[in-house]
């Protein structure tokens, strides 16, 4: 069996978009009956801003999960990236490009470390990335008590708040990153090999795929996506924030979006289009509950139910195909 033979399994699951449509329709009716308006400009802009931050992380998370791995360090990479960006810029518009470049280099370094631990040292991905995340947490907790640095005003204005109609520039960035990831998965050798490694590592190896190189690349790209999310959050906050990644639960939320979008946690099946659908679904639920002023605890309960239901549906579908 060749690596290319596994390509058909990569088609995104359209069910998430059906769920998204139903959620928005029901949410609109409930909010309307409550005397509110779901589809006004402020709510739409807020929803897309939430989706942009989570989506950038989730697209990268999709890559490693497709390869049969995982990354629990992304929340700490986001926090570190906001600080690197804000402290490098220090309020200067002329330092925007160096700051972005430094963030990408630092985040790629974290991804490289994750990838080497998983491939060269054969550490379980859960343990390896959690360990790296805790190392970053120790550095952040020891070095920062609160916000630091200052994001350049031009970046705050352009990436943080500028819109094209009702669509934030940050969401357009997410669409560009998603398109690039989709192209890499569906039209390049790397994408074909990544799906093959996630589907069956031994078959992929016998087919000539360099499994370790593919997984390391996926981890580097995942961390760089988290770095981009950090740059975006720095532009929204105006400074670096040492706990913004963990307080936003970007590690678990990104995995949830990937699973809801139809990517198998075991790897080898799924895609970034479904992930974006999962991100929009989670962001829509937030927007609806915020309009209804639902208790935060109940909101998390509903999120948990949705994730469990999504995994159960995909598991049953996989069992039927196997039968």
Protein backbone atom coordinates (compact mmCIF):
# COMPACT_ATOMS: atom_id res chain seq x y z
CA UNK A 1 0.00 0.00 0.00
CA UNK A 2 1.40 3.41 -0.93
CA UNK A 3 1.11 6.64 1.01
CA UNK A 4 -1.11 8.11 -1.71
CA UNK A 5 -3.68 5.37 -1.24
CA UNK A 6 -4.76 6.90 2.06
CA UNK A 7 -5.71 10.27 0.54
CA UNK A 8 -9.48 9.72 0.18
CA UNK A 9 -9.78 9.50 3.99
CA UNK A 10 -8.85 13.16 4.30
CA UNK A 11 -12.15 14.63 3.12
CA UNK A 12 -13.69 16.98 5.70
CA UNK A 13 -16.83 15.89 7.48
CA UNK A 14 -19.72 18.15 6.39
CA UNK A 15 -21.81 17.27 9.46
CA UNK A 16 -20.18 20.05 11.47
CA UNK A 17 -21.58 22.65 9.08
CA UNK A 18 -25.05 21.17 9.43
CA UNK A 19 -24.65 21.43 13.20
CA UNK A 20 -23.41 25.00 12.81
CA UNK A 21 -26.43 25.98 10.70
CA UNK A 22 -28.85 24.39 13.18
CA UNK A 23 -27.09 26.04 16.12
CA UNK A 24 -27.26 29.49 14.55
CA UNK A 25 -30.90 29.03 13.50
CA UNK A 26 -32.07 27.82 16.92
CA UNK A 27 -29.87 30.37 18.68
CA UNK A 28 -31.29 33.20 16.59
CA UNK A 29 -34.86 32.16 17.45
CA UNK A 30 -34.13 31.81 21.18
CA UNK A 31 -32.30 35.13 21.37
CA UNK A 32 -35.11 36.80 19.38
CA UNK A 33 -37.72 35.43 21.80
CA UNK A 34 -35.58 36.73 24.66
CA UNK A 35 -35.76 40.21 23.15
CA UNK A 36 -32.25 40.34 21.71
CA UNK A 37 -30.68 40.25 18.26
CA UNK A 38 -28.05 37.65 17.40
CA UNK A 39 -27.06 38.74 13.92
CA UNK A 40 -26.23 42.38 14.55
CA UNK A 41 -22.84 43.78 13.57
CA UNK A 42 -21.29 43.90 17.04
CA UNK A 43 -22.16 40.26 17.78
CA UNK A 44 -20.94 39.10 14.38
CA UNK A 45 -17.64 40.97 14.72
CA UNK A 46 -17.13 39.60 18.23
CA UNK A 47 -17.89 36.05 17.05
CA UNK A 48 -15.37 36.31 14.21
CA UNK A 49 -12.69 37.73 16.54
CA UNK A 50 -13.13 34.77 18.87
CA UNK A 51 -13.01 32.39 15.92
CA UNK A 52 -9.83 34.01 14.57
CA UNK A 53 -7.78 33.45 17.70
CA UNK A 54 -8.97 29.91 18.33
CA UNK A 55 -8.94 29.04 14.64
CA UNK A 56 -5.26 29.87 14.14
CA UNK A 57 -4.33 27.48 16.94
CA UNK A 58 -6.79 24.80 15.82
CA UNK A 59 -5.48 24.73 12.24
CA UNK A 60 -2.01 23.94 13.57
CA UNK A 61 -3.44 21.41 16.01
CA UNK A 62 -5.16 19.70 13.08
CA UNK A 63 -1.81 19.06 11.43
CA UNK A 64 -0.28 17.23 14.38
CA UNK A 65 -3.46 15.28 15.14
CA UNK A 66 -3.72 14.19 11.50
CA UNK A 67 -0.22 12.76 11.91
CA UNK A 68 -1.28 10.81 15.00
CA UNK A 69 0.33 13.22 17.47
CA UNK A 70 -0.90 16.01 19.78
CA UNK A 71 0.29 19.36 21.17
CA UNK A 72 -0.63 20.47 24.68
CA UNK A 73 1.98 23.24 24.78
CA UNK A 74 0.14 25.62 22.43
CA UNK A 75 -1.48 27.65 25.22
CA UNK A 76 1.93 28.47 26.69
CA UNK A 77 3.39 29.18 23.25
CA UNK A 78 0.60 31.71 22.75
CA UNK A 79 1.37 33.45 26.05
CA UNK A 80 5.10 33.49 25.31
CA UNK A 81 4.46 34.83 21.80
CA UNK A 82 2.43 37.78 23.07
CA UNK A 83 5.32 38.74 25.34
CA UNK A 84 8.01 38.28 22.69
CA UNK A 85 5.99 40.37 20.24
CA UNK A 86 5.06 43.17 22.64
CA UNK A 87 8.49 43.47 24.25
CA UNK A 88 10.26 43.45 20.89
CA UNK A 89 7.95 46.13 19.46
CA UNK A 90 7.85 48.17 22.69
CA UNK A 91 5.36 50.51 21.06
CA UNK A 92 7.43 51.11 17.91
CA UNK A 93 5.83 50.67 14.48
CA UNK A 94 9.27 50.15 12.98
CA UNK A 95 9.78 46.98 15.03
CA UNK A 96 6.66 45.15 13.83
CA UNK A 97 8.37 42.96 11.24
CA UNK A 98 11.34 42.02 13.49
CA UNK A 99 8.88 41.17 16.26
CA UNK A 100 6.79 38.94 14.01
CA UNK A 101 9.93 37.23 12.71
CA UNK A 102 11.24 36.63 16.22
CA UNK A 103 7.92 35.20 17.37
CA UNK A 104 7.87 32.76 14.46
CA UNK A 105 11.47 31.70 15.15
CA UNK A 106 10.82 31.18 18.87
CA UNK A 107 7.59 29.28 18.30
CA UNK A 108 9.21 27.15 15.59
CA UNK A 109 11.96 26.31 18.10
CA UNK A 110 9.37 25.09 20.60
CA UNK A 111 7.72 23.02 17.88
CA UNK A 112 11.07 21.55 16.90
CA UNK A 113 11.70 20.53 20.51
CA UNK A 114 8.26 18.92 20.70
CA UNK A 115 8.82 17.07 17.44
CA UNK A 116 12.25 15.77 18.43
CA UNK A 117 10.99 14.55 21.80
CA UNK A 118 8.17 12.66 20.09
CA UNK A 119 10.22 11.20 17.22
CA UNK A 120 13.85 10.89 18.31
CA UNK A 121 13.35 10.18 22.00
CA UNK A 122 10.06 8.28 21.51
CA UNK A 123 8.29 10.19 24.29
CA UNK A 124 4.52 9.95 24.14
CA UNK A 125 3.17 13.12 22.50
CA UNK A 126 0.84 13.83 25.42
CA UNK A 127 3.70 13.70 27.93
CA UNK A 128 6.27 15.42 25.71
CA UNK A 129 4.16 18.45 24.82
CA UNK A 130 2.72 18.71 28.33
CA UNK A 131 6.26 18.69 29.71
CA UNK A 132 7.42 21.40 27.30
CA UNK A 133 4.32 23.42 28.18
CA UNK A 134 5.13 23.18 31.88
CA UNK A 135 8.70 24.32 31.20
CA UNK A 136 7.30 27.39 29.44
CA UNK A 137 4.83 27.89 32.30
CA UNK A 138 7.69 27.91 34.80
CA UNK A 139 9.52 30.55 32.78
CA UNK A 140 6.41 32.71 32.44
CA UNK A 141 5.43 32.43 36.11
CA UNK A 142 8.95 33.22 37.27
CA UNK A 143 9.61 36.06 34.87
CA UNK A 144 6.30 37.92 34.68
CA UNK A 145 3.75 39.07 37.24
CA UNK A 146 1.48 40.75 34.70
CA UNK A 147 1.34 42.41 31.27
CA UNK A 148 4.62 43.50 29.72
CA UNK A 149 5.75 45.41 26.66
CA UNK A 150 3.62 47.45 24.29
CA UNK A 151 2.25 46.38 20.92
CA UNK A 152 2.91 48.78 18.04
CA UNK A 153 -0.11 51.04 17.40
CA UNK A 154 -0.14 50.15 13.69
CA UNK A 155 -0.50 46.43 14.48
CA UNK A 156 -3.19 47.11 17.08
CA UNK A 157 -5.14 49.09 14.53
CA UNK A 158 -4.66 46.76 11.55
CA UNK A 159 -4.71 43.23 12.95
CA UNK A 160 -6.45 43.91 16.25
CA UNK A 161 -9.41 46.03 15.23
CA UNK A 162 -9.54 46.83 11.51
CA UNK A 163 -12.38 45.29 9.50
CA UNK A 164 -13.39 44.78 5.90
CA UNK A 165 -17.11 45.36 6.26
CA UNK A 166 -18.20 43.19 9.20
CA UNK A 167 -15.23 40.83 8.76
CA UNK A 168 -12.15 41.49 10.96
CA UNK A 169 -8.74 41.42 9.30
CA UNK A 170 -7.77 38.76 11.84
CA UNK A 171 -10.46 36.44 10.48
CA UNK A 172 -9.17 37.04 6.95
CA UNK A 173 -5.74 35.98 8.27
CA UNK A 174 -7.35 32.79 9.56
CA UNK A 175 -8.83 32.12 6.11
CA UNK A 176 -5.41 32.61 4.49
CA UNK A 177 -3.73 30.23 6.96
CA UNK A 178 -6.54 27.70 6.48
CA UNK A 179 -6.21 27.89 2.70
CA UNK A 180 -2.44 27.38 2.96
CA UNK A 181 -2.90 24.37 5.26
CA UNK A 182 -5.58 22.91 2.97
CA UNK A 183 -3.28 23.27 -0.02
CA UNK A 184 -0.39 21.67 1.87
CA UNK A 185 -2.55 18.71 2.90
CA UNK A 186 -4.25 18.10 -0.42
CA UNK A 187 -1.68 19.17 -3.00
CA UNK A 188 1.79 18.53 -1.58
CA UNK A 189 3.89 15.51 -0.77
CA UNK A 190 4.11 16.62 2.86
CA UNK A 191 0.33 16.51 3.22
CA UNK A 192 0.06 13.10 1.61
CA UNK A 193 2.80 11.73 3.84
CA UNK A 194 1.30 13.29 6.99
CA UNK A 195 -2.03 11.56 6.44
CA UNK A 196 -0.23 8.31 5.66
CA UNK A 197 1.77 8.50 8.90
CA UNK A 198 -1.38 9.20 10.89
CA UNK A 199 -3.27 6.37 9.19
CA UNK A 200 -0.64 3.66 9.62
CA UNK A 201 2.96 4.61 10.53
CA UNK A 202 4.38 1.20 9.61
CA UNK A 203 2.74 1.13 6.19
CA UNK A 204 3.91 4.69 5.60
CA UNK A 205 7.48 3.74 6.55
CA UNK A 206 7.47 0.73 4.24
CA UNK A 207 6.19 3.02 1.48
CA UNK A 208 9.28 5.18 1.80
CA UNK A 209 7.85 7.96 3.98
CA UNK A 210 10.26 9.52 6.47
CA UNK A 211 7.90 9.45 9.41
CA UNK A 212 10.09 11.38 11.85
CA UNK A 213 10.71 14.26 9.46
CA UNK A 214 7.01 14.56 8.67
CA UNK A 215 5.96 14.64 12.34
CA UNK A 216 8.67 17.14 13.29
CA UNK A 217 7.52 19.42 10.47
CA UNK A 218 3.91 19.13 11.65
CA UNK A 219 4.91 20.10 15.21
CA UNK A 220 6.92 23.08 13.98
CA UNK A 221 3.97 24.30 11.89
CA UNK A 222 1.59 23.78 14.82
CA UNK A 223 3.71 25.92 17.13
CA UNK A 224 4.09 28.60 14.45
CA UNK A 225 0.29 28.76 14.16
CA UNK A 226 0.15 29.24 17.93
CA UNK A 227 2.75 31.99 17.51
CA UNK A 228 0.51 33.74 14.97
CA UNK A 229 -2.37 33.50 17.45
CA UNK A 230 -0.11 35.09 20.04
CA UNK A 231 0.69 37.99 17.70
CA UNK A 232 -3.02 38.49 17.10
CA UNK A 233 -3.83 38.48 20.82
CA UNK A 234 -1.01 40.93 21.49
CA UNK A 235 -2.58 43.25 18.93
CA UNK A 236 -5.94 42.97 20.69
CA UNK A 237 -4.59 43.45 24.20
CA UNK A 238 -1.98 46.09 23.37
CA UNK A 239 0.69 44.28 25.41
CA UNK A 240 2.07 40.85 26.22
CA UNK A 241 0.05 38.70 28.61
CA UNK A 242 1.77 35.78 30.38
CA UNK A 243 -1.45 33.89 31.08
CA UNK A 244 -3.70 34.70 28.13
CA UNK A 245 -3.14 31.29 26.50
CA UNK A 246 -4.00 29.21 29.54
CA UNK A 247 -6.87 31.43 30.68
CA UNK A 248 -8.35 31.10 27.19
CA UNK A 249 -8.00 27.28 27.35
CA UNK A 250 -6.54 27.34 23.86
CA UNK A 251 -4.96 23.90 24.25
CA UNK A 252 -8.17 22.03 25.07
CA UNK A 253 -10.40 24.30 22.97
CA UNK A 254 -8.27 23.74 19.88
CA UNK A 255 -8.38 19.97 20.32
CA UNK A 256 -12.15 20.18 20.81
CA UNK A 257 -12.56 22.17 17.60
CA UNK A 258 -10.46 19.64 15.69
CA UNK A 259 -12.50 16.70 16.99
CA UNK A 260 -15.84 18.42 16.39
CA UNK A 261 -14.65 19.18 12.86
CA UNK A 262 -14.29 15.48 12.14
CA UNK A 263 -10.56 14.83 12.48
CA UNK A 264 -9.88 11.51 14.18
CA UNK A 265 -7.77 11.75 17.34
CA UNK A 266 -5.99 8.59 16.20
CA UNK A 267 -4.86 10.42 13.05
CA UNK A 268 -5.14 9.75 9.34
CA UNK A 269 -8.60 11.21 8.79
CA UNK A 270 -9.96 14.76 8.81
CA UNK A 271 -8.98 18.19 7.53
CA UNK A 272 -8.72 21.89 8.26
CA UNK A 273 -12.04 22.82 6.62
CA UNK A 274 -13.91 20.76 9.19
CA UNK A 275 -11.77 22.29 11.93
CA UNK A 276 -12.82 25.81 10.93
CA UNK A 277 -16.42 24.60 11.10
CA UNK A 278 -15.75 23.33 14.63
CA UNK A 279 -14.20 26.66 15.59
CA UNK A 280 -17.20 28.59 14.25
CA UNK A 281 -19.55 26.24 16.10
CA UNK A 282 -17.80 26.85 19.44
CA UNK A 283 -17.65 30.61 18.78
CA UNK A 284 -21.36 30.64 17.87
CA UNK A 285 -22.28 28.87 21.10
CA UNK A 286 -20.29 31.51 23.02
CA UNK A 287 -22.05 34.32 21.16
CA UNK A 288 -25.51 32.85 21.80
CA UNK A 289 -24.85 32.24 25.49
CA UNK A 290 -23.41 35.72 25.92
CA UNK A 291 -26.55 37.21 24.40
CA UNK A 292 -28.67 35.12 26.78
CA UNK A 293 -26.34 35.86 29.72
CA UNK A 294 -26.03 32.17 30.49
CA UNK A 295 -24.00 31.12 33.53
CA UNK A 296 -20.34 30.35 32.68
CA UNK A 297 -20.52 26.92 34.37
CA UNK A 298 -23.55 25.88 32.32
CA UNK A 299 -21.77 27.08 29.18
CA UNK A 300 -18.88 24.71 29.84
CA UNK A 301 -21.30 21.85 30.52
CA UNK A 302 -22.92 22.38 27.12
CA UNK A 303 -19.50 22.49 25.46
CA UNK A 304 -18.60 19.18 27.10
CA UNK A 305 -21.83 17.56 25.95
CA UNK A 306 -21.22 18.72 22.36
CA UNK A 307 -17.67 17.35 22.31
CA UNK A 308 -18.71 13.98 23.74
CA UNK A 309 -21.62 13.76 21.28
CA UNK A 310 -19.32 14.59 18.35
CA UNK A 311 -16.78 11.94 19.32
CA UNK A 312 -19.56 9.38 19.82
CA UNK A 313 -21.06 10.11 16.39
CA UNK A 314 -17.72 9.82 14.61
CA UNK A 315 -16.85 6.65 16.54
CA UNK A 316 -20.10 4.99 15.50
CA UNK A 317 -19.55 6.09 11.91
CA UNK A 318 -16.05 4.56 11.95
CA UNK A 319 -17.41 1.29 13.40
CA UNK A 320 -20.02 1.07 10.66
CA UNK A 321 -17.41 1.59 7.97
CA UNK A 322 -15.20 -1.07 9.54
CA UNK A 323 -18.12 -3.49 9.64
